[in-house]
C-alpha atoms as a PDB file:
ATOM      1  CA  MET A   1      27.224  37.318 -89.950  1.00  0.00           C
ATOM      2  CA  VAL A   2      31.026  37.529 -90.092  1.00  0.00           C
ATOM      3  CA  ARG A   3      30.867  40.301 -87.626  1.00  0.00           C
ATOM      4  CA  ALA A   4      28.640  38.622 -85.165  1.00  0.00           C
ATOM      5  CA  MET A   5      31.083  35.623 -85.348  1.00  0.00           C
ATOM      6  CA  VAL A   6      33.942  37.727 -84.725  1.00  0.00           C
ATOM      7  CA  GLU A   7      32.310  39.530 -81.945  1.00  0.00           C
ATOM      8  CA  LEU A   8      31.157  36.235 -80.456  1.00  0.00           C
ATOM      9  CA  LYS A   9      34.752  34.840 -80.669  1.00  0.00           C
ATOM     10  CA  ARG A  10      36.205  38.033 -79.056  1.00  0.00           C
ATOM     11  CA  THR A  11      33.779  37.958 -76.359  1.00  0.00           C
ATOM     12  CA  GLY A  12      34.394  34.410 -75.568  1.00  0.00           C
ATOM     13  CA  ALA A  13      38.278  34.794 -75.655  1.00  0.00           C
ATOM     14  CA  THR A  14      37.942  37.771 -73.208  1.00  0.00           C
ATOM     15  CA  CYS A  15      35.729  36.025 -70.835  1.00  0.00           C
ATOM     16  CA  GLU A  16      37.393  32.645 -71.077  1.00  0.00           C
ATOM     17  CA  THR A  17      38.672  32.578 -67.457  1.00  0.00           C
ATOM     18  CA  TYR A  18      35.589  34.191 -65.925  1.00  0.00           C
ATOM     19  CA  VAL A  19      32.812  31.734 -66.816  1.00  0.00           C
ATOM     20  CA  ARG A  20      32.364  28.169 -66.639  1.00  0.00           C
ATOM     21  CA  GLY A  21      31.911  26.030 -69.720  1.00  0.00           C
ATOM     22  CA  SER A  22      34.772  27.480 -71.674  1.00  0.00           C
ATOM     23  CA  PRO A  23      33.276  29.761 -74.258  1.00  0.00           C
ATOM     24  CA  GLN A  24      36.231  29.192 -76.821  1.00  0.00           C
ATOM     25  CA  SER A  25      35.825  25.611 -76.882  1.00  0.00           C
ATOM     26  CA  VAL A  26      32.154  25.885 -77.757  1.00  0.00           C
ATOM     27  CA  MET A  27      32.907  27.882 -80.699  1.00  0.00           C
ATOM     28  CA  THR A  28      35.276  25.626 -82.609  1.00  0.00           C
ATOM     29  CA  GLY A  29      32.644  25.543 -85.441  1.00  0.00           C
ATOM     30  CA  ILE A  30      33.373  29.254 -86.147  1.00  0.00           C
ATOM     31  CA  ASP A  31      37.008  28.068 -86.531  1.00  0.00           C
ATOM     32  CA  ALA A  32      35.952  25.518 -88.954  1.00  0.00           C
ATOM     33  CA  TYR A  33      33.843  27.975 -91.112  1.00  0.00           C
ATOM     34  CA  PHE A  34      36.870  30.359 -91.438  1.00  0.00           C
ATOM     35  CA  THR A  35      39.185  27.550 -92.283  1.00  0.00           C
ATOM     36  CA  ALA A  36      36.790  26.205 -95.006  1.00  0.00           C
ATOM     37  CA  LEU A  37      36.837  29.562 -96.507  1.00  0.00           C
ATOM     38  CA  ASN A  38      40.519  29.770 -96.237  1.00  0.00           C
ATOM     39  CA  GLN A  39      40.364  32.785 -94.105  1.00  0.00           C
ATOM     40  CA  PRO A  40      42.380  33.695 -90.928  1.00  0.00           C
ATOM     41  CA  VAL A  41      40.520  32.657 -87.682  1.00  0.00           C
ATOM     42  CA  PRO A  42      39.572  35.389 -85.707  1.00  0.00           C
ATOM     43  CA  ASN A  43      41.189  35.042 -81.969  1.00  0.00           C
ATOM     44  CA  THR A  44      41.347  38.630 -80.601  1.00  0.00           C
ATOM     45  CA  VAL A  45      41.055  39.465 -76.888  1.00  0.00           C
ATOM     46  CA  ASP A  46      39.489  43.081 -75.734  1.00  0.00           C
ATOM     47  CA  GLN A  47      42.356  43.194 -73.366  1.00  0.00           C
ATOM     48  CA  GLY A  48      41.095  46.321 -72.053  1.00  0.00           C
ATOM     49  CA  ALA A  49      37.914  44.608 -70.927  1.00  0.00           C
ATOM     50  CA  LYS A  50      39.602  41.746 -69.674  1.00  0.00           C
ATOM     51  CA  ASP A  51      41.817  43.830 -67.429  1.00  0.00           C
ATOM     52  CA  SER A  52      38.773  45.727 -66.010  1.00  0.00           C
ATOM     53  CA  ILE A  53      36.774  42.633 -65.541  1.00  0.00           C
ATOM     54  CA  GLY A  54      39.846  41.057 -63.850  1.00  0.00           C
ATOM     55  CA  LYS A  55      39.744  43.572 -61.313  1.00  0.00           C
ATOM     56  CA  LEU A  56      36.299  42.676 -60.066  1.00  0.00           C
ATOM     57  CA  ILE A  57      35.237  39.844 -57.564  1.00  0.00           C
ATOM     58  CA  LYS A  58      34.665  36.497 -59.339  1.00  0.00           C
ATOM     59  CA  GLN A  59      30.812  36.806 -59.045  1.00  0.00           C
ATOM     60  CA  HIS A  60      30.651  40.303 -60.738  1.00  0.00           C
ATOM     61  CA  ALA A  61      33.264  39.209 -63.392  1.00  0.00           C
ATOM     62  CA  ALA A  62      31.100  36.147 -64.078  1.00  0.00           C
ATOM     63  CA  TYR A  63      27.795  38.152 -64.313  1.00  0.00           C
ATOM     64  CA  ILE A  64      29.280  40.614 -66.833  1.00  0.00           C
ATOM     65  CA  CYS A  65      30.770  38.078 -68.778  1.00  0.00           C
ATOM     66  CA  SER A  66      27.571  36.040 -68.946  1.00  0.00           C
ATOM     67  CA  THR A  67      25.669  39.084 -69.775  1.00  0.00           C
ATOM     68  CA  LYS A  68      28.225  40.021 -72.598  1.00  0.00           C
ATOM     69  CA  LEU A  69      28.170  36.493 -73.926  1.00  0.00           C
ATOM     70  CA  VAL A  70      24.507  36.060 -74.015  1.00  0.00           C
ATOM     71  CA  LYS A  71      24.121  39.252 -76.131  1.00  0.00           C
ATOM     72  CA  ALA A  72      26.989  38.216 -78.409  1.00  0.00           C
ATOM     73  CA  GLN A  73      25.147  34.846 -78.785  1.00  0.00           C
ATOM     74  CA  ASN A  74      21.941  36.484 -79.532  1.00  0.00           C
ATOM     75  CA  ASN A  75      23.405  38.594 -82.253  1.00  0.00           C
ATOM     76  CA  TYR A  76      25.083  35.652 -83.591  1.00  0.00           C
ATOM     77  CA  LEU A  77      21.930  33.552 -83.896  1.00  0.00           C
ATOM     78  CA  ARG A  78      19.988  36.301 -85.484  1.00  0.00           C
ATOM     79  CA  ALA A  79      22.835  36.947 -88.076  1.00  0.00           C
ATOM     80  CA  ALA A  80      23.235  33.082 -88.643  1.00  0.00           C
ATOM     81  CA  ALA A  81      19.590  32.775 -89.349  1.00  0.00           C
ATOM     82  CA  SER A  82      19.626  35.497 -91.933  1.00  0.00           C
ATOM     83  CA  TYR A  83      22.696  34.260 -93.511  1.00  0.00           C
ATOM     84  CA  MET A  84      21.250  30.746 -93.899  1.00  0.00           C
ATOM     85  CA  GLU A  85      18.385  32.169 -95.652  1.00  0.00           C
ATOM     86  CA  THR A  86      20.509  34.245 -98.254  1.00  0.00           C
ATOM     87  CA  LYS A  87      23.778  32.482 -98.491  1.00  0.00           C
ATOM     88  CA  PRO A  88      25.215  31.204-101.849  1.00  0.00           C
ATOM     89  CA  THR A  89      24.933  27.511-102.043  1.00  0.00           C
ATOM     90  CA  GLN A  90      28.579  26.925-102.393  1.00  0.00           C
ATOM     91  CA  TRP A  91      29.425  28.733 -99.051  1.00  0.00           C
ATOM     92  CA  PRO A  92      29.389  26.614 -95.877  1.00  0.00           C
ATOM     93  CA  ASP A  93      26.409  26.568 -93.522  1.00  0.00           C
ATOM     94  CA  ALA A  94      26.462  28.911 -90.445  1.00  0.00           C
ATOM     95  CA  PRO A  95      28.141  26.773 -87.464  1.00  0.00           C
ATOM     96  CA  TRP A  96      25.683  25.335 -84.843  1.00  0.00           C
ATOM     97  CA  ILE A  97      26.675  26.423 -81.533  1.00  0.00           C
ATOM     98  CA  GLU A  98      25.401  24.680 -78.424  1.00  0.00           C
ATOM     99  CA  PHE A  99      25.730  27.476 -75.784  1.00  0.00           C
ATOM    100  CA  PRO A 100      25.735  26.431 -72.199  1.00  0.00           C
ATOM    101  CA  GLN A 101      24.290  28.473 -69.265  1.00  0.00           C
ATOM    102  CA  TRP A 102      27.329  30.258 -68.162  1.00  0.00           C
ATOM    103  CA  CYS A 103      26.002  30.822 -64.649  1.00  0.00           C
ATOM    104  CA  GLN A 104      23.569  28.603 -62.982  1.00  0.00           C
ATOM    105  CA  ASP A 105      22.056  31.477 -61.090  1.00  0.00           C
ATOM    106  CA  PRO A 106      20.906  34.698 -62.781  1.00  0.00           C
ATOM    107  CA  ALA A 107      23.097  36.765 -60.519  1.00  0.00           C
ATOM    108  CA  CYS A 108      26.029  34.303 -60.793  1.00  0.00           C
ATOM    109  CA  ALA A 109      25.978  33.683 -57.214  1.00  0.00           C
ATOM    110  CA  ASP A 110      27.561  30.395 -57.831  1.00  0.00           C
ATOM    111  CA  TYR A 111      31.047  32.023 -58.267  1.00  0.00           C
END
């Protein structure tokens, strides 16, 4: 699950400026999880991807980021479910994250 959380945070940080709904702000539960375990909070950005996405028109950038975020969300949700079934009782629960719809239109035409 940790790998999925780190990837989700990385994708959120990378795409923060390209989608509505502030991915980083909806992932504060991940920060709390790492803090509860006295671990550093992952805050990395895929700068290469961010630079490449930034060269696109807004609609395409939003679509790519929306797609990347949904994939990372799905991976996280699967990993969190598995973690909750097998975690030691003293470990914190997997953070619940309320994911918004990043684009109102499937093709992100609203950008």
